Amino acid sequence: MKSEKLLSYTAVFEPAEEGGYVVSVPMLPGCLTQGETFEEAKRYIEEAITLYLETLKDLGEEIPRELSEPIITRVTAPDPV
């Protein structure tokens, strides 16, 4: 039996103005989705990542891999208003 290899990607969950979350994966440009709840958005982005990687494989393109943990922090700037 072949064991399944799992890849891990950073997903950014941003609250949407109308409610729910918009989710993107910086390492996979254009891979994004949304959901009404965090759990739904997480499930949808997992599906989107799977489809994205399958498409890359089908096209014979390289599968991007995150090699280290990203540093995520908020940065402030003055409001120009």
N, C-alpha and C. Protein backbone atom coordinates (compact mmCIF):
# COMPACT_ATOMS: atom_id res chain seq x y z
N MET A 1 0.85 -1.19 0.00
CA MET A 1 0.00 0.00 0.00
C MET A 1 0.89 1.25 0.00
N LYS A 2 0.60 2.18 -0.90
CA LYS A 2 1.38 3.40 -1.02
C LYS A 2 0.88 4.41 0.02
N SER A 3 1.82 5.01 0.77
CA SER A 3 1.41 6.01 1.76
C SER A 3 1.26 7.36 1.07
N GLU A 4 0.31 8.14 1.56
CA GLU A 4 0.01 9.45 0.98
C GLU A 4 0.96 10.50 1.55
N LYS A 5 1.61 11.26 0.67
CA LYS A 5 2.49 12.34 1.08
C LYS A 5 1.66 13.61 1.20
N LEU A 6 1.79 14.30 2.31
CA LEU A 6 1.02 15.53 2.53
C LEU A 6 1.92 16.75 2.42
N LEU A 7 1.43 17.78 1.76
CA LEU A 7 2.12 19.06 1.67
C LEU A 7 1.38 20.06 2.54
N SER A 8 2.09 21.04 3.04
CA SER A 8 1.50 22.04 3.91
C SER A 8 1.72 23.43 3.32
N TYR A 9 0.65 24.22 3.29
CA TYR A 9 0.73 25.58 2.75
C TYR A 9 0.10 26.56 3.74
N THR A 10 0.62 27.78 3.74
CA THR A 10 0.06 28.85 4.56
C THR A 10 -1.18 29.39 3.86
N ALA A 11 -2.29 29.45 4.58
CA ALA A 11 -3.53 30.02 4.07
C ALA A 11 -3.85 31.27 4.90
N VAL A 12 -4.24 32.33 4.22
CA VAL A 12 -4.56 33.59 4.89
C VAL A 12 -6.07 33.77 4.87
N PHE A 13 -6.66 33.83 6.05
CA PHE A 13 -8.11 33.99 6.21
C PHE A 13 -8.38 35.45 6.57
N GLU A 14 -9.11 36.14 5.70
CA GLU A 14 -9.44 37.54 5.95
C GLU A 14 -10.95 37.68 6.09
N PRO A 15 -11.39 38.34 7.17
CA PRO A 15 -12.84 38.54 7.31
C PRO A 15 -13.38 39.35 6.13
N ALA A 16 -14.51 38.91 5.57
CA ALA A 16 -15.15 39.62 4.46
C ALA A 16 -16.13 40.64 5.01
N GLU A 17 -16.28 41.76 4.32
CA GLU A 17 -17.20 42.82 4.77
C GLU A 17 -18.62 42.29 4.94
N GLU A 18 -19.04 41.40 4.04
CA GLU A 18 -20.41 40.89 4.08
C GLU A 18 -20.55 39.69 5.02
N GLY A 19 -19.46 39.32 5.70
CA GLY A 19 -19.47 38.18 6.61
C GLY A 19 -18.68 37.03 6.03
N GLY A 20 -18.29 36.13 6.88
CA GLY A 20 -17.51 34.99 6.44
C GLY A 20 -16.05 35.35 6.21
N TYR A 21 -15.35 34.54 5.43
CA TYR A 21 -13.92 34.71 5.21
C TYR A 21 -13.57 34.52 3.75
N VAL A 22 -12.60 35.30 3.30
CA VAL A 22 -11.95 35.10 2.01
C VAL A 22 -10.59 34.50 2.33
N VAL A 23 -10.23 33.44 1.62
CA VAL A 23 -8.99 32.72 1.92
C VAL A 23 -8.10 32.66 0.69
N SER A 24 -6.82 32.95 0.89
CA SER A 24 -5.85 32.85 -0.20
C SER A 24 -4.63 32.07 0.27
N VAL A 25 -3.89 31.56 -0.70
CA VAL A 25 -2.67 30.80 -0.41
C VAL A 25 -1.53 31.51 -1.16
N PRO A 26 -0.73 32.32 -0.45
CA PRO A 26 0.31 33.11 -1.12
C PRO A 26 1.26 32.30 -1.99
N MET A 27 1.56 31.09 -1.62
CA MET A 27 2.50 30.26 -2.38
C MET A 27 1.89 29.75 -3.68
N LEU A 28 0.55 29.81 -3.79
CA LEU A 28 -0.15 29.31 -4.97
C LEU A 28 -0.98 30.45 -5.56
N PRO A 29 -0.37 31.29 -6.40
CA PRO A 29 -1.07 32.46 -6.94
C PRO A 29 -2.41 32.11 -7.59
N GLY A 30 -3.43 32.86 -7.21
CA GLY A 30 -4.76 32.63 -7.76
C GLY A 30 -5.57 31.57 -7.04
N CYS A 31 -4.97 30.91 -6.06
CA CYS A 31 -5.69 29.89 -5.29
C CYS A 31 -6.40 30.59 -4.15
N LEU A 32 -7.70 30.80 -4.32
CA LEU A 32 -8.47 31.46 -3.27
C LEU A 32 -9.92 31.00 -3.31
N THR A 33 -10.59 31.22 -2.20
CA THR A 33 -11.99 30.85 -2.07
C THR A 33 -12.59 31.65 -0.94
N GLN A 34 -13.83 31.36 -0.61
CA GLN A 34 -14.48 32.02 0.52
C GLN A 34 -15.47 31.07 1.16
N GLY A 35 -15.83 31.38 2.39
CA GLY A 35 -16.81 30.57 3.11
C GLY A 35 -17.54 31.40 4.13
N GLU A 36 -18.74 30.97 4.49
CA GLU A 36 -19.56 31.69 5.46
C GLU A 36 -19.01 31.59 6.88
N THR A 37 -18.32 30.50 7.19
CA THR A 37 -17.72 30.32 8.51
C THR A 37 -16.25 29.95 8.32
N PHE A 38 -15.46 30.03 9.38
CA PHE A 38 -14.05 29.64 9.30
C PHE A 38 -13.93 28.18 8.87
N GLU A 39 -14.74 27.32 9.45
CA GLU A 39 -14.68 25.89 9.14
C GLU A 39 -15.00 25.63 7.66
N GLU A 40 -16.03 26.31 7.15
CA GLU A 40 -16.40 26.14 5.76
C GLU A 40 -15.28 26.66 4.85
N ALA A 41 -14.75 27.84 5.17
CA ALA A 41 -13.66 28.41 4.37
C ALA A 41 -12.44 27.50 4.39
N LYS A 42 -12.14 26.90 5.52
CA LYS A 42 -10.99 25.99 5.63
C LYS A 42 -11.21 24.75 4.74
N ARG A 43 -12.41 24.21 4.79
CA ARG A 43 -12.73 23.04 3.96
C ARG A 43 -12.60 23.39 2.47
N TYR A 44 -13.11 24.57 2.10
CA TYR A 44 -13.06 24.99 0.69
C TYR A 44 -11.63 25.24 0.22
N ILE A 45 -10.78 25.82 1.07
CA ILE A 45 -9.41 26.10 0.63
C ILE A 45 -8.63 24.79 0.53
N GLU A 46 -8.92 23.82 1.38
CA GLU A 46 -8.27 22.51 1.25
C GLU A 46 -8.62 21.88 -0.09
N GLU A 47 -9.89 21.99 -0.50
CA GLU A 47 -10.32 21.47 -1.79
C GLU A 47 -9.66 22.24 -2.93
N ALA A 48 -9.59 23.57 -2.80
CA ALA A 48 -8.98 24.40 -3.84
C ALA A 48 -7.50 24.07 -4.01
N ILE A 49 -6.79 23.88 -2.90
CA ILE A 49 -5.37 23.52 -2.97
C ILE A 49 -5.20 22.19 -3.69
N THR A 50 -6.02 21.21 -3.34
CA THR A 50 -5.95 19.90 -3.98
C THR A 50 -6.14 20.01 -5.49
N LEU A 51 -7.16 20.75 -5.92
CA LEU A 51 -7.42 20.93 -7.35
C LEU A 51 -6.29 21.70 -8.03
N TYR A 52 -5.77 22.70 -7.37
CA TYR A 52 -4.66 23.50 -7.90
C TYR A 52 -3.45 22.61 -8.16
N LEU A 53 -3.09 21.79 -7.15
CA LEU A 53 -1.92 20.92 -7.28
C LEU A 53 -2.14 19.85 -8.35
N GLU A 54 -3.35 19.30 -8.43
CA GLU A 54 -3.66 18.30 -9.46
C GLU A 54 -3.53 18.91 -10.85
N THR A 55 -3.96 20.17 -11.01
CA THR A 55 -3.86 20.85 -12.29
C THR A 55 -2.39 21.06 -12.66
N LEU A 56 -1.58 21.51 -11.70
CA LEU A 56 -0.15 21.68 -11.97
C LEU A 56 0.47 20.36 -12.42
N LYS A 57 0.12 19.28 -11.73
CA LYS A 57 0.66 17.96 -12.08
C LYS A 57 0.25 17.57 -13.49
N ASP A 58 -1.04 17.75 -13.81
CA ASP A 58 -1.56 17.40 -15.14
C ASP A 58 -0.86 18.21 -16.24
N LEU A 59 -0.47 19.45 -15.93
CA LEU A 59 0.20 20.31 -16.90
C LEU A 59 1.71 20.07 -16.95
N GLY A 60 2.18 19.19 -16.06
CA GLY A 60 3.61 18.90 -16.01
C GLY A 60 4.44 20.01 -15.38
N GLU A 61 3.78 20.85 -14.60
CA GLU A 61 4.48 21.97 -13.95
C GLU A 61 4.97 21.56 -12.56
N GLU A 62 5.95 22.29 -12.08
CA GLU A 62 6.53 22.01 -10.77
C GLU A 62 5.54 22.34 -9.66
N ILE A 63 5.50 21.49 -8.64
CA ILE A 63 4.64 21.72 -7.47
C ILE A 63 5.42 22.59 -6.47
N PRO A 64 4.91 23.81 -6.18
CA PRO A 64 5.60 24.67 -5.20
C PRO A 64 5.57 24.05 -3.81
N ARG A 65 6.64 24.23 -3.06
CA ARG A 65 6.73 23.73 -1.70
C ARG A 65 7.20 24.83 -0.77
N GLU A 66 6.54 24.95 0.37
CA GLU A 66 7.01 25.90 1.39
C GLU A 66 8.12 25.20 2.16
N LEU A 67 9.28 25.80 2.17
CA LEU A 67 10.44 25.17 2.78
C LEU A 67 10.62 25.53 4.25
N SER A 68 9.99 26.63 4.69
CA SER A 68 10.12 27.03 6.08
C SER A 68 8.84 27.72 6.52
N GLU A 69 8.72 27.89 7.81
CA GLU A 69 7.54 28.57 8.36
C GLU A 69 7.61 30.06 8.04
N PRO A 70 6.53 30.63 7.52
CA PRO A 70 6.54 32.06 7.22
C PRO A 70 6.45 32.87 8.52
N ILE A 71 6.91 34.09 8.44
CA ILE A 71 6.74 35.03 9.54
C ILE A 71 5.59 35.94 9.15
N ILE A 72 4.54 35.92 9.95
CA ILE A 72 3.36 36.73 9.66
C ILE A 72 3.17 37.72 10.80
N THR A 73 3.10 39.00 10.46
CA THR A 73 2.91 40.03 11.47
C THR A 73 2.18 41.21 10.85
N ARG A 74 1.58 42.02 11.67
CA ARG A 74 0.95 43.25 11.19
C ARG A 74 1.99 44.35 11.18
N VAL A 75 1.91 45.21 10.17
CA VAL A 75 2.81 46.36 10.05
C VAL A 75 1.92 47.59 9.97
N THR A 76 2.26 48.63 10.71
CA THR A 76 1.43 49.84 10.72
C THR A 76 2.03 50.92 9.83
N ALA A 77 1.15 51.78 9.35
CA ALA A 77 1.54 52.94 8.55
C ALA A 77 0.59 54.06 8.87
N PRO A 78 1.03 55.31 8.77
CA PRO A 78 0.14 56.44 9.07
C PRO A 78 -1.01 56.51 8.06
N ASP A 79 -2.17 56.89 8.56
CA ASP A 79 -3.35 57.09 7.73
C ASP A 79 -3.18 58.42 6.99
N PRO A 80 -3.20 58.41 5.66
CA PRO A 80 -2.95 59.66 4.93
C PRO A 80 -4.14 60.63 4.93
N VAL A 81 -5.25 60.22 5.52
CA VAL A 81 -6.44 61.09 5.53
C VAL A 81 -6.34 62.12 6.61
